[in-house]
């Protein structure tokens, strides 16, 4: 799985003090794929497996300094975007991507909490649509996030196909619409669209409550792109990686929420 040249992947996202999601999950996924992981922290969270108790957004100047430092010294082949808390942060990140033009940008639009609560204000949602989507090689929304981006319900496979086409029209290069929130029996179907081809990746639905799967999926895709896989193959490999990580997941806190076993997933590949 190691890349042929020593390339790096950069995550611009939020930090999870509980270690199961966000920057921490991204760096574990990069390391498990033998890709050098870089980070620019766009938000700090006080968080554990029970929930988020506080969020701090660092000064914009400091986020800019982190991004500039990474691009000044490393061969960054892919950038993974996660929690970007407000319109100002989104604008700064978009400006940086336009300046540095990394080969791949994987955008995980972290907009809806597990509880269903919205995490972005209207101005930030507009900035995400207009500034970041056109820069994304791949967009990886779950169903509630895709619904929020489009202002429409997604309830079945036909809706999913229509939604993916609409997200492509907003400028994304390709879309991986995650199926975990859709009621499709004992299966989870993740659907890939790029305007030319489409694929479905199917796994058994596991009876677990897990944390950090979306972060990990996007960062694993970014790592697979660093390793030279095509976009659909990177999606398939990353989905398999998350499935293996869930199967051997563990509960490190006092709740029943699992986090992924990143290195077990890598070793069992």
C-alpha atoms as a PDB file:
ATOM      1  CA  UNK A   1       0.000   0.000   0.000  1.00  0.00           C
ATOM      2  CA  UNK A   2       2.993   2.330   0.339  1.00  0.00           C
ATOM      3  CA  UNK A   3       3.375   5.051  -2.304  1.00  0.00           C
ATOM      4  CA  UNK A   4       6.185   4.840  -4.840  1.00  0.00           C
ATOM      5  CA  UNK A   5       7.497   8.264  -3.774  1.00  0.00           C
ATOM      6  CA  UNK A   6       7.451   9.824  -0.284  1.00  0.00           C
ATOM      7  CA  UNK A   7       4.313  11.893  -0.701  1.00  0.00           C
ATOM      8  CA  UNK A   8       2.229  13.391   2.072  1.00  0.00           C
ATOM      9  CA  UNK A   9      -1.449  13.911   2.778  1.00  0.00           C
ATOM     10  CA  UNK A  10      -2.727  16.979   4.615  1.00  0.00           C
ATOM     11  CA  UNK A  11      -5.858  17.066   6.739  1.00  0.00           C
ATOM     12  CA  UNK A  12      -7.498  20.424   7.420  1.00  0.00           C
ATOM     13  CA  UNK A  13     -10.144  19.653   9.982  1.00  0.00           C
ATOM     14  CA  UNK A  14     -11.135  19.718  13.633  1.00  0.00           C
ATOM     15  CA  UNK A  15      -9.277  18.042  16.475  1.00  0.00           C
ATOM     16  CA  UNK A  16     -11.047  15.404  18.580  1.00  0.00           C
ATOM     17  CA  UNK A  17      -9.670  15.280  22.124  1.00  0.00           C
ATOM     18  CA  UNK A  18     -11.201  11.796  22.475  1.00  0.00           C
ATOM     19  CA  UNK A  19      -9.016  10.439  19.670  1.00  0.00           C
ATOM     20  CA  UNK A  20     -11.754   8.710  17.678  1.00  0.00           C
ATOM     21  CA  UNK A  21     -12.606  11.214  14.941  1.00  0.00           C
ATOM     22  CA  UNK A  22     -11.332  14.365  13.271  1.00  0.00           C
ATOM     23  CA  UNK A  23      -7.635  15.082  12.893  1.00  0.00           C
ATOM     24  CA  UNK A  24      -6.702  12.179  15.157  1.00  0.00           C
ATOM     25  CA  UNK A  25      -8.602   9.642  13.043  1.00  0.00           C
ATOM     26  CA  UNK A  26      -7.215  11.175   9.860  1.00  0.00           C
ATOM     27  CA  UNK A  27      -3.602  10.824  10.996  1.00  0.00           C
ATOM     28  CA  UNK A  28      -4.182   7.220  12.084  1.00  0.00           C
ATOM     29  CA  UNK A  29      -5.651   6.415   8.669  1.00  0.00           C
ATOM     30  CA  UNK A  30      -2.746   8.082   6.861  1.00  0.00           C
ATOM     31  CA  UNK A  31      -0.220   6.168   8.973  1.00  0.00           C
ATOM     32  CA  UNK A  32      -2.027   2.867   8.444  1.00  0.00           C
ATOM     33  CA  UNK A  33      -1.660   3.421   4.683  1.00  0.00           C
ATOM     34  CA  UNK A  34       2.022   4.359   5.074  1.00  0.00           C
ATOM     35  CA  UNK A  35       1.418   7.907   3.905  1.00  0.00           C
ATOM     36  CA  UNK A  36       3.052  10.770   5.775  1.00  0.00           C
ATOM     37  CA  UNK A  37       0.313  12.694   7.563  1.00  0.00           C
ATOM     38  CA  UNK A  38       0.217  16.478   7.966  1.00  0.00           C
ATOM     39  CA  UNK A  39      -2.385  18.519   9.810  1.00  0.00           C
ATOM     40  CA  UNK A  40      -3.738  22.046   9.963  1.00  0.00           C
ATOM     41  CA  UNK A  41      -6.173  22.334  12.850  1.00  0.00           C
ATOM     42  CA  UNK A  42      -9.217  24.404  11.928  1.00  0.00           C
ATOM     43  CA  UNK A  43     -11.108  23.808  15.189  1.00  0.00           C
ATOM     44  CA  UNK A  44     -10.426  22.407  18.633  1.00  0.00           C
ATOM     45  CA  UNK A  45     -13.103  20.343  20.317  1.00  0.00           C
ATOM     46  CA  UNK A  46     -13.500  19.127  23.875  1.00  0.00           C
ATOM     47  CA  UNK A  47     -14.947  15.763  22.973  1.00  0.00           C
ATOM     48  CA  UNK A  48     -15.217  12.141  24.035  1.00  0.00           C
ATOM     49  CA  UNK A  49     -17.315   9.151  23.026  1.00  0.00           C
ATOM     50  CA  UNK A  50     -20.319  10.701  24.791  1.00  0.00           C
ATOM     51  CA  UNK A  51     -20.351  13.968  22.847  1.00  0.00           C
ATOM     52  CA  UNK A  52     -18.876  17.423  22.297  1.00  0.00           C
ATOM     53  CA  UNK A  53     -18.748  19.796  25.268  1.00  0.00           C
ATOM     54  CA  UNK A  54     -16.868  22.776  23.786  1.00  0.00           C
ATOM     55  CA  UNK A  55     -15.495  24.078  20.473  1.00  0.00           C
ATOM     56  CA  UNK A  56     -12.740  26.651  19.940  1.00  0.00           C
ATOM     57  CA  UNK A  57     -11.856  28.080  16.518  1.00  0.00           C
ATOM     58  CA  UNK A  58      -8.225  29.285  16.410  1.00  0.00           C
ATOM     59  CA  UNK A  59      -7.392  32.665  14.855  1.00  0.00           C
ATOM     60  CA  UNK A  60      -7.491  32.661  11.065  1.00  0.00           C
ATOM     61  CA  UNK A  61      -3.879  33.815  10.937  1.00  0.00           C
ATOM     62  CA  UNK A  62      -2.770  30.711  12.791  1.00  0.00           C
ATOM     63  CA  UNK A  63      -4.687  28.383  10.471  1.00  0.00           C
ATOM     64  CA  UNK A  64      -3.090  30.157   7.510  1.00  0.00           C
ATOM     65  CA  UNK A  65       0.350  29.720   9.061  1.00  0.00           C
ATOM     66  CA  UNK A  66      -0.212  25.982   9.517  1.00  0.00           C
ATOM     67  CA  UNK A  67      -1.298  25.509   5.902  1.00  0.00           C
ATOM     68  CA  UNK A  68       1.563  27.606   4.524  1.00  0.00           C
ATOM     69  CA  UNK A  69       4.104  25.716   6.639  1.00  0.00           C
ATOM     70  CA  UNK A  70       2.892  22.386   5.297  1.00  0.00           C
ATOM     71  CA  UNK A  71       2.941  23.389   1.642  1.00  0.00           C
ATOM     72  CA  UNK A  72       6.351  25.067   2.022  1.00  0.00           C
ATOM     73  CA  UNK A  73       8.106  21.838   2.970  1.00  0.00           C
ATOM     74  CA  UNK A  74       6.171  18.769   1.816  1.00  0.00           C
ATOM     75  CA  UNK A  75       5.038  17.118  -1.410  1.00  0.00           C
ATOM     76  CA  UNK A  76       1.308  17.154  -0.672  1.00  0.00           C
ATOM     77  CA  UNK A  77      -0.512  14.825  -3.024  1.00  0.00           C
ATOM     78  CA  UNK A  78      -3.935  14.963  -1.378  1.00  0.00           C
ATOM     79  CA  UNK A  79      -5.805  17.248   1.005  1.00  0.00           C
ATOM     80  CA  UNK A  80      -8.666  15.998   3.156  1.00  0.00           C
ATOM     81  CA  UNK A  81     -11.117  18.619   4.438  1.00  0.00           C
ATOM     82  CA  UNK A  82     -13.254  18.006   7.501  1.00  0.00           C
ATOM     83  CA  UNK A  83     -14.818  20.286  10.103  1.00  0.00           C
ATOM     84  CA  UNK A  84     -14.582  23.918   8.941  1.00  0.00           C
ATOM     85  CA  UNK A  85     -16.589  25.880  11.459  1.00  0.00           C
ATOM     86  CA  UNK A  86     -17.616  29.103   9.716  1.00  0.00           C
ATOM     87  CA  UNK A  87     -17.647  31.040   6.456  1.00  0.00           C
ATOM     88  CA  UNK A  88     -14.379  32.826   7.238  1.00  0.00           C
ATOM     89  CA  UNK A  89     -12.527  29.548   7.774  1.00  0.00           C
ATOM     90  CA  UNK A  90     -14.021  28.105   4.585  1.00  0.00           C
ATOM     91  CA  UNK A  91     -12.968  31.167   2.583  1.00  0.00           C
ATOM     92  CA  UNK A  92      -9.405  30.962   3.919  1.00  0.00           C
ATOM     93  CA  UNK A  93      -9.136  27.259   3.067  1.00  0.00           C
ATOM     94  CA  UNK A  94     -10.574  27.829  -0.406  1.00  0.00           C
ATOM     95  CA  UNK A  95      -8.059  30.622  -1.033  1.00  0.00           C
ATOM     96  CA  UNK A  96      -5.232  28.317   0.064  1.00  0.00           C
ATOM     97  CA  UNK A  97      -6.376  25.493  -2.223  1.00  0.00           C
ATOM     98  CA  UNK A  98      -6.619  27.906  -5.151  1.00  0.00           C
ATOM     99  CA  UNK A  99      -3.082  29.108  -4.386  1.00  0.00           C
ATOM    100  CA  UNK A 100      -1.391  25.734  -3.919  1.00  0.00           C
ATOM    101  CA  UNK A 101      -3.535  23.536  -6.223  1.00  0.00           C
ATOM    102  CA  UNK A 102      -2.936  20.086  -4.671  1.00  0.00           C
ATOM    103  CA  UNK A 103      -3.626  17.186  -7.064  1.00  0.00           C
ATOM    104  CA  UNK A 104      -6.541  15.834  -5.022  1.00  0.00           C
ATOM    105  CA  UNK A 105      -9.021  17.370  -2.573  1.00  0.00           C
ATOM    106  CA  UNK A 106     -11.372  15.063  -0.647  1.00  0.00           C
ATOM    107  CA  UNK A 107     -14.151  17.079   0.992  1.00  0.00           C
ATOM    108  CA  UNK A 108     -16.047  15.530   3.890  1.00  0.00           C
ATOM    109  CA  UNK A 109     -18.763  18.158   4.484  1.00  0.00           C
ATOM    110  CA  UNK A 110     -19.116  17.935   8.260  1.00  0.00           C
ATOM    111  CA  UNK A 111     -22.424  19.765   8.651  1.00  0.00           C
ATOM    112  CA  UNK A 112     -24.768  17.552  10.687  1.00  0.00           C
ATOM    113  CA  UNK A 113     -24.070  16.052  14.109  1.00  0.00           C
ATOM    114  CA  UNK A 114     -24.998  12.473  14.920  1.00  0.00           C
ATOM    115  CA  UNK A 115     -27.940  13.907  16.894  1.00  0.00           C
ATOM    116  CA  UNK A 116     -29.222  15.503  13.682  1.00  0.00           C
ATOM    117  CA  UNK A 117     -28.319  19.053  14.750  1.00  0.00           C
ATOM    118  CA  UNK A 118     -26.924  21.431  12.136  1.00  0.00           C
ATOM    119  CA  UNK A 119     -23.308  22.433  12.683  1.00  0.00           C
ATOM    120  CA  UNK A 120     -23.078  25.210  10.089  1.00  0.00           C
ATOM    121  CA  UNK A 121     -24.729  28.606   9.856  1.00  0.00           C
ATOM    122  CA  UNK A 122     -26.404  29.613   6.590  1.00  0.00           C
ATOM    123  CA  UNK A 123     -23.443  31.789   5.575  1.00  0.00           C
ATOM    124  CA  UNK A 124     -21.045  28.891   6.075  1.00  0.00           C
ATOM    125  CA  UNK A 125     -23.290  26.547   4.101  1.00  0.00           C
ATOM    126  CA  UNK A 126     -23.341  29.030   1.223  1.00  0.00           C
ATOM    127  CA  UNK A 127     -19.538  29.340   1.340  1.00  0.00           C
ATOM    128  CA  UNK A 128     -19.196  25.557   1.330  1.00  0.00           C
ATOM    129  CA  UNK A 129     -21.410  25.298  -1.752  1.00  0.00           C
ATOM    130  CA  UNK A 130     -19.832  28.129  -3.716  1.00  0.00           C
ATOM    131  CA  UNK A 131     -16.176  28.085  -2.664  1.00  0.00           C
ATOM    132  CA  UNK A 132     -15.237  24.512  -1.717  1.00  0.00           C
ATOM    133  CA  UNK A 133     -17.424  22.239  -3.836  1.00  0.00           C
ATOM    134  CA  UNK A 134     -15.892  23.486  -7.117  1.00  0.00           C
ATOM    135  CA  UNK A 135     -12.423  22.682  -5.725  1.00  0.00           C
ATOM    136  CA  UNK A 136     -13.280  19.143  -4.579  1.00  0.00           C
ATOM    137  CA  UNK A 137     -11.948  16.150  -6.472  1.00  0.00           C
ATOM    138  CA  UNK A 138     -14.404  14.115  -4.415  1.00  0.00           C
ATOM    139  CA  UNK A 139     -17.295  15.045  -2.122  1.00  0.00           C
ATOM    140  CA  UNK A 140     -18.246  12.461   0.542  1.00  0.00           C
ATOM    141  CA  UNK A 141     -21.573  13.499   2.135  1.00  0.00           C
ATOM    142  CA  UNK A 142     -23.880  11.327   4.150  1.00  0.00           C
ATOM    143  CA  UNK A 143     -27.571  11.587   3.337  1.00  0.00           C
ATOM    144  CA  UNK A 144     -28.446  14.402   5.811  1.00  0.00           C
ATOM    145  CA  UNK A 145     -25.474  16.443   4.568  1.00  0.00           C
ATOM    146  CA  UNK A 146     -26.452  15.955   0.925  1.00  0.00           C
ATOM    147  CA  UNK A 147     -30.025  16.953   1.796  1.00  0.00           C
ATOM    148  CA  UNK A 148     -28.773  20.121   3.455  1.00  0.00           C
ATOM    149  CA  UNK A 149     -26.537  21.013   0.521  1.00  0.00           C
ATOM    150  CA  UNK A 150     -29.390  20.545  -1.950  1.00  0.00           C
ATOM    151  CA  UNK A 151     -32.458  21.496   0.085  1.00  0.00           C
ATOM    152  CA  UNK A 152     -34.291  18.282  -0.812  1.00  0.00           C
ATOM    153  CA  UNK A 153     -35.077  14.878   0.690  1.00  0.00           C
ATOM    154  CA  UNK A 154     -33.191  11.721  -0.292  1.00  0.00           C
ATOM    155  CA  UNK A 155     -35.230   8.632   0.514  1.00  0.00           C
ATOM    156  CA  UNK A 156     -34.412   5.981  -2.083  1.00  0.00           C
ATOM    157  CA  UNK A 157     -31.971   4.957  -4.805  1.00  0.00           C
ATOM    158  CA  UNK A 158     -33.573   7.179  -7.448  1.00  0.00           C
ATOM    159  CA  UNK A 159     -33.341  10.173  -5.117  1.00  0.00           C
ATOM    160  CA  UNK A 160     -29.690   9.355  -4.483  1.00  0.00           C
ATOM    161  CA  UNK A 161     -28.894   9.291  -8.193  1.00  0.00           C
ATOM    162  CA  UNK A 162     -30.655  12.616  -8.743  1.00  0.00           C
ATOM    163  CA  UNK A 163     -28.885  14.136  -5.735  1.00  0.00           C
ATOM    164  CA  UNK A 164     -25.474  13.034  -6.971  1.00  0.00           C
ATOM    165  CA  UNK A 165     -26.135  14.644 -10.362  1.00  0.00           C
ATOM    166  CA  UNK A 166     -27.161  17.866  -8.634  1.00  0.00           C
ATOM    167  CA  UNK A 167     -24.016  17.858  -6.469  1.00  0.00           C
ATOM    168  CA  UNK A 168     -21.908  17.392  -9.584  1.00  0.00           C
ATOM    169  CA  UNK A 169     -23.695  20.392 -11.077  1.00  0.00           C
ATOM    170  CA  UNK A 170     -22.546  22.434  -8.063  1.00  0.00           C
ATOM    171  CA  UNK A 171     -18.975  21.752  -9.157  1.00  0.00           C
ATOM    172  CA  UNK A 172     -17.719  18.645  -7.358  1.00  0.00           C
ATOM    173  CA  UNK A 173     -15.539  16.441  -9.535  1.00  0.00           C
ATOM    174  CA  UNK A 174     -17.141  13.271  -8.164  1.00  0.00           C
ATOM    175  CA  UNK A 175     -19.494  12.275  -5.363  1.00  0.00           C
ATOM    176  CA  UNK A 176     -19.463   9.344  -2.950  1.00  0.00           C
ATOM    177  CA  UNK A 177     -22.907   9.446  -1.342  1.00  0.00           C
ATOM    178  CA  UNK A 178     -22.669   7.422   1.866  1.00  0.00           C
ATOM    179  CA  UNK A 179     -25.609   5.152   2.571  1.00  0.00           C
ATOM    180  CA  UNK A 180     -25.460   4.602   6.304  1.00  0.00           C
ATOM    181  CA  UNK A 181     -28.482   6.825   6.992  1.00  0.00           C
ATOM    182  CA  UNK A 182     -30.686   5.279   4.302  1.00  0.00           C
ATOM    183  CA  UNK A 183     -33.082   2.467   5.177  1.00  0.00           C
ATOM    184  CA  UNK A 184     -31.990  -0.305   2.819  1.00  0.00           C
ATOM    185  CA  UNK A 185     -32.410  -3.342   5.015  1.00  0.00           C
ATOM    186  CA  UNK A 186     -29.365  -5.210   6.236  1.00  0.00           C
ATOM    187  CA  UNK A 187     -27.079  -3.572   3.681  1.00  0.00           C
ATOM    188  CA  UNK A 188     -25.251  -0.261   3.499  1.00  0.00           C
ATOM    189  CA  UNK A 189     -24.878   0.970  -0.074  1.00  0.00           C
ATOM    190  CA  UNK A 190     -22.359   3.724  -0.804  1.00  0.00           C
ATOM    191  CA  UNK A 191     -22.885   5.198  -4.269  1.00  0.00           C
ATOM    192  CA  UNK A 192     -20.135   6.695  -6.425  1.00  0.00           C
ATOM    193  CA  UNK A 193     -20.847   9.066  -9.336  1.00  0.00           C
ATOM    194  CA  UNK A 194     -18.471  11.125 -11.477  1.00  0.00           C
ATOM    195  CA  UNK A 195     -20.702  12.155 -14.372  1.00  0.00           C
ATOM    196  CA  UNK A 196     -19.404   9.361 -16.594  1.00  0.00           C
ATOM    197  CA  UNK A 197     -19.503   6.228 -14.476  1.00  0.00           C
ATOM    198  CA  UNK A 198     -21.325   5.103 -11.369  1.00  0.00           C
ATOM    199  CA  UNK A 199     -20.654   2.310  -8.891  1.00  0.00           C
ATOM    200  CA  UNK A 200     -22.263   0.827  -5.800  1.00  0.00           C
ATOM    201  CA  UNK A 201     -20.197  -0.469  -2.900  1.00  0.00           C
ATOM    202  CA  UNK A 202     -22.192  -2.768  -0.620  1.00  0.00           C
ATOM    203  CA  UNK A 203     -21.427  -3.970   2.899  1.00  0.00           C
ATOM    204  CA  UNK A 204     -23.438  -5.632   5.627  1.00  0.00           C
ATOM    205  CA  UNK A 205     -24.903  -3.205   8.142  1.00  0.00           C
ATOM    206  CA  UNK A 206     -23.188  -3.821  11.476  1.00  0.00           C
ATOM    207  CA  UNK A 207     -25.248  -3.508  14.694  1.00  0.00           C
ATOM    208  CA  UNK A 208     -22.842  -1.051  16.323  1.00  0.00           C
ATOM    209  CA  UNK A 209     -22.752   2.621  17.286  1.00  0.00           C
ATOM    210  CA  UNK A 210     -19.457   3.954  15.959  1.00  0.00           C
ATOM    211  CA  UNK A 211     -17.561   7.247  15.982  1.00  0.00           C
ATOM    212  CA  UNK A 212     -15.267   8.691  13.311  1.00  0.00           C
ATOM    213  CA  UNK A 213     -16.324   6.605  10.321  1.00  0.00           C
ATOM    214  CA  UNK A 214     -16.906   9.572   8.015  1.00  0.00           C
ATOM    215  CA  UNK A 215     -13.592  11.208   8.899  1.00  0.00           C
ATOM    216  CA  UNK A 216     -11.765   7.937   8.435  1.00  0.00           C
ATOM    217  CA  UNK A 217     -13.397   7.151   5.099  1.00  0.00           C
ATOM    218  CA  UNK A 218     -12.415  10.499   3.585  1.00  0.00           C
ATOM    219  CA  UNK A 219      -8.858  10.344   4.913  1.00  0.00           C
ATOM    220  CA  UNK A 220      -8.446   6.740   3.755  1.00  0.00           C
ATOM    221  CA  UNK A 221      -9.572   7.776   0.264  1.00  0.00           C
ATOM    222  CA  UNK A 222      -7.011  10.600   0.315  1.00  0.00           C
ATOM    223  CA  UNK A 223      -4.318   8.124   1.385  1.00  0.00           C
ATOM    224  CA  UNK A 224      -5.260   5.662  -1.361  1.00  0.00           C
ATOM    225  CA  UNK A 225      -5.030   8.483  -3.912  1.00  0.00           C
ATOM    226  CA  UNK A 226      -1.531   9.178  -2.598  1.00  0.00           C
ATOM    227  CA  UNK A 227      -0.770   5.496  -3.207  1.00  0.00           C
ATOM    228  CA  UNK A 228      -1.752   5.884  -6.854  1.00  0.00           C
ATOM    229  CA  UNK A 229      -5.213   4.337  -7.007  1.00  0.00           C
ATOM    230  CA  UNK A 230      -7.852   5.716  -9.345  1.00  0.00           C
ATOM    231  CA  UNK A 231     -10.699   7.598  -7.695  1.00  0.00           C
ATOM    232  CA  UNK A 232     -13.312   4.804  -7.825  1.00  0.00           C
ATOM    233  CA  UNK A 233     -10.742   2.216  -6.740  1.00  0.00           C
ATOM    234  CA  UNK A 234      -9.609   4.496  -3.901  1.00  0.00           C
ATOM    235  CA  UNK A 235     -13.225   4.764  -2.745  1.00  0.00           C
ATOM    236  CA  UNK A 236     -13.700   0.998  -2.827  1.00  0.00           C
ATOM    237  CA  UNK A 237     -10.445   0.327  -0.974  1.00  0.00           C
ATOM    238  CA  UNK A 238     -11.245   2.957   1.669  1.00  0.00           C
ATOM    239  CA  UNK A 239     -14.763   1.596   2.210  1.00  0.00           C
ATOM    240  CA  UNK A 240     -13.270  -1.875   2.739  1.00  0.00           C
ATOM    241  CA  UNK A 241     -10.757  -0.377   5.173  1.00  0.00           C
ATOM    242  CA  UNK A 242     -13.497   1.281   7.243  1.00  0.00           C
ATOM    243  CA  UNK A 243     -15.514  -1.960   7.252  1.00  0.00           C
ATOM    244  CA  UNK A 244     -12.510  -3.895   8.605  1.00  0.00           C
ATOM    245  CA  UNK A 245     -11.866  -1.178  11.179  1.00  0.00           C
ATOM    246  CA  UNK A 246     -15.463  -1.392  12.353  1.00  0.00           C
ATOM    247  CA  UNK A 247     -15.392  -5.170  12.579  1.00  0.00           C
ATOM    248  CA  UNK A 248     -12.450  -4.997  14.998  1.00  0.00           C
ATOM    249  CA  UNK A 249     -13.514  -1.703  16.590  1.00  0.00           C
ATOM    250  CA  UNK A 250     -13.351  -1.184  20.329  1.00  0.00           C
ATOM    251  CA  UNK A 251     -14.950   1.024  22.994  1.00  0.00           C
ATOM    252  CA  UNK A 252     -12.170   2.985  24.760  1.00  0.00           C
ATOM    253  CA  UNK A 253     -14.498   5.193  26.806  1.00  0.00           C
ATOM    254  CA  UNK A 254     -17.293   4.588  29.278  1.00  0.00           C
ATOM    255  CA  UNK A 255     -20.006   4.654  26.613  1.00  0.00           C
ATOM    256  CA  UNK A 256     -20.847   1.875  24.154  1.00  0.00           C
ATOM    257  CA  UNK A 257     -19.611   3.924  21.193  1.00  0.00           C
ATOM    258  CA  UNK A 258     -16.882   2.198  19.188  1.00  0.00           C
ATOM    259  CA  UNK A 259     -13.878   3.736  17.502  1.00  0.00           C
ATOM    260  CA  UNK A 260     -12.180   2.117  14.534  1.00  0.00           C
ATOM    261  CA  UNK A 261      -9.212  -0.204  14.844  1.00  0.00           C
ATOM    262  CA  UNK A 262      -7.061   1.471  12.197  1.00  0.00           C
ATOM    263  CA  UNK A 263      -4.013  -0.739  12.371  1.00  0.00           C
ATOM    264  CA  UNK A 264      -6.017  -3.916  12.689  1.00  0.00           C
ATOM    265  CA  UNK A 265      -7.762  -2.846   9.481  1.00  0.00           C
ATOM    266  CA  UNK A 266      -4.410  -2.331   7.777  1.00  0.00           C
ATOM    267  CA  UNK A 267      -2.912  -5.621   8.949  1.00  0.00           C
ATOM    268  CA  UNK A 268      -5.935  -7.650   7.918  1.00  0.00           C
ATOM    269  CA  UNK A 269      -6.001  -6.260   4.373  1.00  0.00           C
END
